[in-house]
Amino acid sequence: VQLVESGGGLVQAGGSLRLSCAASGFIFSVAAMGWFRQSPGKERDFVAAISRSAGTTYYADAVKGRFTISRDNAKNTVYLQMNSLKPEDTADHYCAANFGARADYASGLQTDYDYWGQGTQVTVSS
């Protein structure tokens, strides 16, 4: 199982970025997917999740209305569109795959996720 994030970078406040997470080594459509982030000196936090059918999404309050999670099962890729970025969005962003019984749901629990990518850095300047 491999998850490879891309699309991070430096952007000014108010700008946008789209993160991608390319999955390989498993049947992508059976896994729910999530995005999490970790700022220096802080714990890793939930950002957004999408069920394996893409029928359900779930967002952290901090990003609701600004971020959109989506997936393309034909391309084995999950995306995170981030708009109206704020300096407090600065963090390493990680995607994760959930194969368990809760894969029909968009879970925000880190313990539900089985595999993690290496992360992509997002820096938002003020």
C-alpha atoms as a PDB file:
ATOM      1  CA  VAL A   1       0.000   0.000   0.000  1.00  0.00           C
ATOM      2  CA  GLN A   2       1.353   3.378  -0.972  1.00  0.00           C
ATOM      3  CA  LEU A   3      -0.119   6.835  -0.581  1.00  0.00           C
ATOM      4  CA  VAL A   4       1.729   9.753  -2.161  1.00  0.00           C
ATOM      5  CA  GLU A   5       0.614  13.318  -1.532  1.00  0.00           C
ATOM      6  CA  SER A   6       1.390  16.242  -3.812  1.00  0.00           C
ATOM      7  CA  GLY A   7       0.275  19.788  -4.458  1.00  0.00           C
ATOM      8  CA  GLY A   8       1.551  21.509  -1.343  1.00  0.00           C
ATOM      9  CA  GLY A   9       3.482  24.740  -1.458  1.00  0.00           C
ATOM     10  CA  LEU A  10       3.641  28.360  -0.414  1.00  0.00           C
ATOM     11  CA  VAL A  11       0.582  30.550  -0.971  1.00  0.00           C
ATOM     12  CA  GLN A  12      -0.611  33.916   0.276  1.00  0.00           C
ATOM     13  CA  ALA A  13      -3.551  34.196   2.614  1.00  0.00           C
ATOM     14  CA  GLY A  14      -6.784  34.071   0.649  1.00  0.00           C
ATOM     15  CA  GLY A  15      -5.269  31.879  -2.019  1.00  0.00           C
ATOM     16  CA  SER A  16      -6.015  28.312  -3.040  1.00  0.00           C
ATOM     17  CA  LEU A  17      -4.231  24.998  -3.373  1.00  0.00           C
ATOM     18  CA  ARG A  18      -5.358  21.561  -4.462  1.00  0.00           C
ATOM     19  CA  LEU A  19      -3.726  18.603  -2.801  1.00  0.00           C
ATOM     20  CA  SER A  20      -3.728  15.186  -4.429  1.00  0.00           C
ATOM     21  CA  CYS A  21      -3.096  11.768  -2.935  1.00  0.00           C
ATOM     22  CA  ALA A  22      -2.300   8.981  -5.365  1.00  0.00           C
ATOM     23  CA  ALA A  23      -2.974   5.494  -4.027  1.00  0.00           C
ATOM     24  CA  SER A  24      -1.509   2.210  -5.161  1.00  0.00           C
ATOM     25  CA  GLY A  25      -1.210  -1.351  -3.965  1.00  0.00           C
ATOM     26  CA  PHE A  26      -4.856  -1.824  -3.042  1.00  0.00           C
ATOM     27  CA  ILE A  27      -8.343  -1.587  -4.474  1.00  0.00           C
ATOM     28  CA  PHE A  28      -8.923   2.108  -3.972  1.00  0.00           C
ATOM     29  CA  SER A  29     -12.708   1.931  -4.122  1.00  0.00           C
ATOM     30  CA  VAL A  30     -12.965  -0.203  -0.963  1.00  0.00           C
ATOM     31  CA  ALA A  31     -11.243   2.361   1.249  1.00  0.00           C
ATOM     32  CA  ALA A  32     -12.585   5.486   2.842  1.00  0.00           C
ATOM     33  CA  MET A  33     -10.032   8.290   2.627  1.00  0.00           C
ATOM     34  CA  GLY A  34      -9.127  11.128   4.920  1.00  0.00           C
ATOM     35  CA  TRP A  35      -6.922  14.184   5.143  1.00  0.00           C
ATOM     36  CA  PHE A  36      -5.192  15.201   8.352  1.00  0.00           C
ATOM     37  CA  ARG A  37      -2.665  17.907   9.159  1.00  0.00           C
ATOM     38  CA  GLN A  38       0.019  18.625  11.704  1.00  0.00           C
ATOM     39  CA  SER A  39       1.578  21.960  12.539  1.00  0.00           C
ATOM     40  CA  PRO A  40       4.995  22.196  14.223  1.00  0.00           C
ATOM     41  CA  GLY A  41       4.721  21.421  17.907  1.00  0.00           C
ATOM     42  CA  LYS A  42       1.080  20.376  17.663  1.00  0.00           C
ATOM     43  CA  GLU A  43      -0.803  17.119  17.424  1.00  0.00           C
ATOM     44  CA  ARG A  44      -2.089  15.821  14.124  1.00  0.00           C
ATOM     45  CA  ASP A  45      -5.663  16.962  13.501  1.00  0.00           C
ATOM     46  CA  PHE A  46      -8.490  15.788  11.292  1.00  0.00           C
ATOM     47  CA  VAL A  47      -9.276  17.913   8.218  1.00  0.00           C
ATOM     48  CA  ALA A  48     -11.700  16.060   5.950  1.00  0.00           C
ATOM     49  CA  ALA A  49     -12.873  12.574   5.052  1.00  0.00           C
ATOM     50  CA  ILE A  50     -14.838  10.867   2.302  1.00  0.00           C
ATOM     51  CA  SER A  51     -16.519   7.488   2.323  1.00  0.00           C
ATOM     52  CA  ARG A  52     -15.523   4.804  -0.142  1.00  0.00           C
ATOM     53  CA  SER A  53     -18.566   5.457  -2.302  1.00  0.00           C
ATOM     54  CA  ALA A  54     -18.010   9.241  -2.092  1.00  0.00           C
ATOM     55  CA  GLY A  55     -21.573   9.450  -0.821  1.00  0.00           C
ATOM     56  CA  THR A  56     -20.566  10.956   2.495  1.00  0.00           C
ATOM     57  CA  THR A  57     -18.080  13.661   3.393  1.00  0.00           C
ATOM     58  CA  TYR A  58     -17.127  15.130   6.745  1.00  0.00           C
ATOM     59  CA  TYR A  59     -15.119  18.227   7.615  1.00  0.00           C
ATOM     60  CA  ALA A  60     -13.469  19.716  10.632  1.00  0.00           C
ATOM     61  CA  ASP A  61     -15.179  22.895  11.747  1.00  0.00           C
ATOM     62  CA  ALA A  62     -11.989  24.861  11.042  1.00  0.00           C
ATOM     63  CA  VAL A  63     -12.161  24.140   7.305  1.00  0.00           C
ATOM     64  CA  LYS A  64     -15.890  23.737   6.666  1.00  0.00           C
ATOM     65  CA  GLY A  65     -17.022  25.921   3.799  1.00  0.00           C
ATOM     66  CA  ARG A  66     -13.456  26.491   2.587  1.00  0.00           C
ATOM     67  CA  PHE A  67     -12.139  22.996   1.803  1.00  0.00           C
ATOM     68  CA  THR A  68     -13.661  20.287  -0.385  1.00  0.00           C
ATOM     69  CA  ILE A  69     -12.666  16.653  -0.414  1.00  0.00           C
ATOM     70  CA  SER A  70     -13.347  14.523  -3.485  1.00  0.00           C
ATOM     71  CA  ARG A  71     -12.163  11.291  -5.017  1.00  0.00           C
ATOM     72  CA  ASP A  72     -11.767   9.764  -8.454  1.00  0.00           C
ATOM     73  CA  ASN A  73     -11.886   6.015  -8.085  1.00  0.00           C
ATOM     74  CA  ALA A  74     -10.895   5.547 -11.736  1.00  0.00           C
ATOM     75  CA  LYS A  75      -7.653   7.422 -11.049  1.00  0.00           C
ATOM     76  CA  ASN A  76      -7.088   6.010  -7.539  1.00  0.00           C
ATOM     77  CA  THR A  77      -6.768   9.550  -6.263  1.00  0.00           C
ATOM     78  CA  VAL A  78      -8.291  11.643  -3.509  1.00  0.00           C
ATOM     79  CA  TYR A  79      -8.189  15.433  -3.625  1.00  0.00           C
ATOM     80  CA  LEU A  80      -8.418  18.276  -1.163  1.00  0.00           C
ATOM     81  CA  GLN A  81      -9.359  21.609  -2.686  1.00  0.00           C
ATOM     82  CA  MET A  82      -8.384  24.344  -0.252  1.00  0.00           C
ATOM     83  CA  ASN A  83      -9.772  27.836  -0.795  1.00  0.00           C
ATOM     84  CA  SER A  84      -9.600  31.024   1.248  1.00  0.00           C
ATOM     85  CA  LEU A  85      -6.462  29.775   2.927  1.00  0.00           C
ATOM     86  CA  LYS A  86      -5.408  31.271   6.234  1.00  0.00           C
ATOM     87  CA  PRO A  87      -2.019  31.355   7.970  1.00  0.00           C
ATOM     88  CA  GLU A  88      -3.397  28.914  10.538  1.00  0.00           C
ATOM     89  CA  ASP A  89      -3.787  26.346   7.734  1.00  0.00           C
ATOM     90  CA  THR A  90       0.008  26.090   7.590  1.00  0.00           C
ATOM     91  CA  ALA A  91       0.869  22.455   8.295  1.00  0.00           C
ATOM     92  CA  ASP A  92       2.057  19.185   6.860  1.00  0.00           C
ATOM     93  CA  HIS A  93      -0.990  17.567   5.276  1.00  0.00           C
ATOM     94  CA  TYR A  94      -1.367  13.790   5.205  1.00  0.00           C
ATOM     95  CA  CYS A  95      -3.791  11.495   3.449  1.00  0.00           C
ATOM     96  CA  ALA A  96      -4.846   8.199   4.950  1.00  0.00           C
ATOM     97  CA  ALA A  97      -6.805   5.105   3.955  1.00  0.00           C
ATOM     98  CA  ASN A  98      -9.434   3.329   6.029  1.00  0.00           C
ATOM     99  CA  PHE A  99     -10.260  -0.260   5.111  1.00  0.00           C
ATOM    100  CA  GLY A 100     -12.218  -1.189   8.189  1.00  0.00           C
ATOM    101  CA  ALA A 101     -15.863  -1.632   8.996  1.00  0.00           C
ATOM    102  CA  ARG A 102     -16.289   2.141   9.109  1.00  0.00           C
ATOM    103  CA  ALA A 103     -15.184   2.620   5.481  1.00  0.00           C
ATOM    104  CA  ASP A 104     -18.817   3.200   4.565  1.00  0.00           C
ATOM    105  CA  TYR A 105     -18.567   6.365   6.599  1.00  0.00           C
ATOM    106  CA  ALA A 106     -16.404   9.466   6.444  1.00  0.00           C
ATOM    107  CA  SER A 107     -14.586   9.072   9.727  1.00  0.00           C
ATOM    108  CA  GLY A 108     -12.655  11.779  11.501  1.00  0.00           C
ATOM    109  CA  LEU A 109     -10.981   9.342  13.883  1.00  0.00           C
ATOM    110  CA  GLN A 110      -7.292   8.770  13.244  1.00  0.00           C
ATOM    111  CA  THR A 111      -7.536   5.317  14.783  1.00  0.00           C
ATOM    112  CA  ASP A 112      -9.894   4.263  11.964  1.00  0.00           C
ATOM    113  CA  TYR A 113      -7.148   4.730   9.376  1.00  0.00           C
ATOM    114  CA  ASP A 114      -4.820   1.931   8.450  1.00  0.00           C
ATOM    115  CA  TYR A 115      -2.283   3.492   6.089  1.00  0.00           C
ATOM    116  CA  TRP A 116      -0.757   6.950   5.869  1.00  0.00           C
ATOM    117  CA  GLY A 117       1.200   8.942   3.324  1.00  0.00           C
ATOM    118  CA  GLN A 118       4.392  10.887   3.978  1.00  0.00           C
ATOM    119  CA  GLY A 119       2.728  14.270   3.801  1.00  0.00           C
ATOM    120  CA  THR A 120       2.967  17.448   1.773  1.00  0.00           C
ATOM    121  CA  GLN A 121       3.762  20.820   3.268  1.00  0.00           C
ATOM    122  CA  VAL A 122       1.372  23.739   3.011  1.00  0.00           C
ATOM    123  CA  THR A 123       2.560  27.188   4.030  1.00  0.00           C
ATOM    124  CA  VAL A 124       0.212  30.164   4.023  1.00  0.00           C
ATOM    125  CA  SER A 125       1.799  33.582   4.382  1.00  0.00           C
ATOM    126  CA  SER A 126      -0.049  36.560   5.827  1.00  0.00           C
END
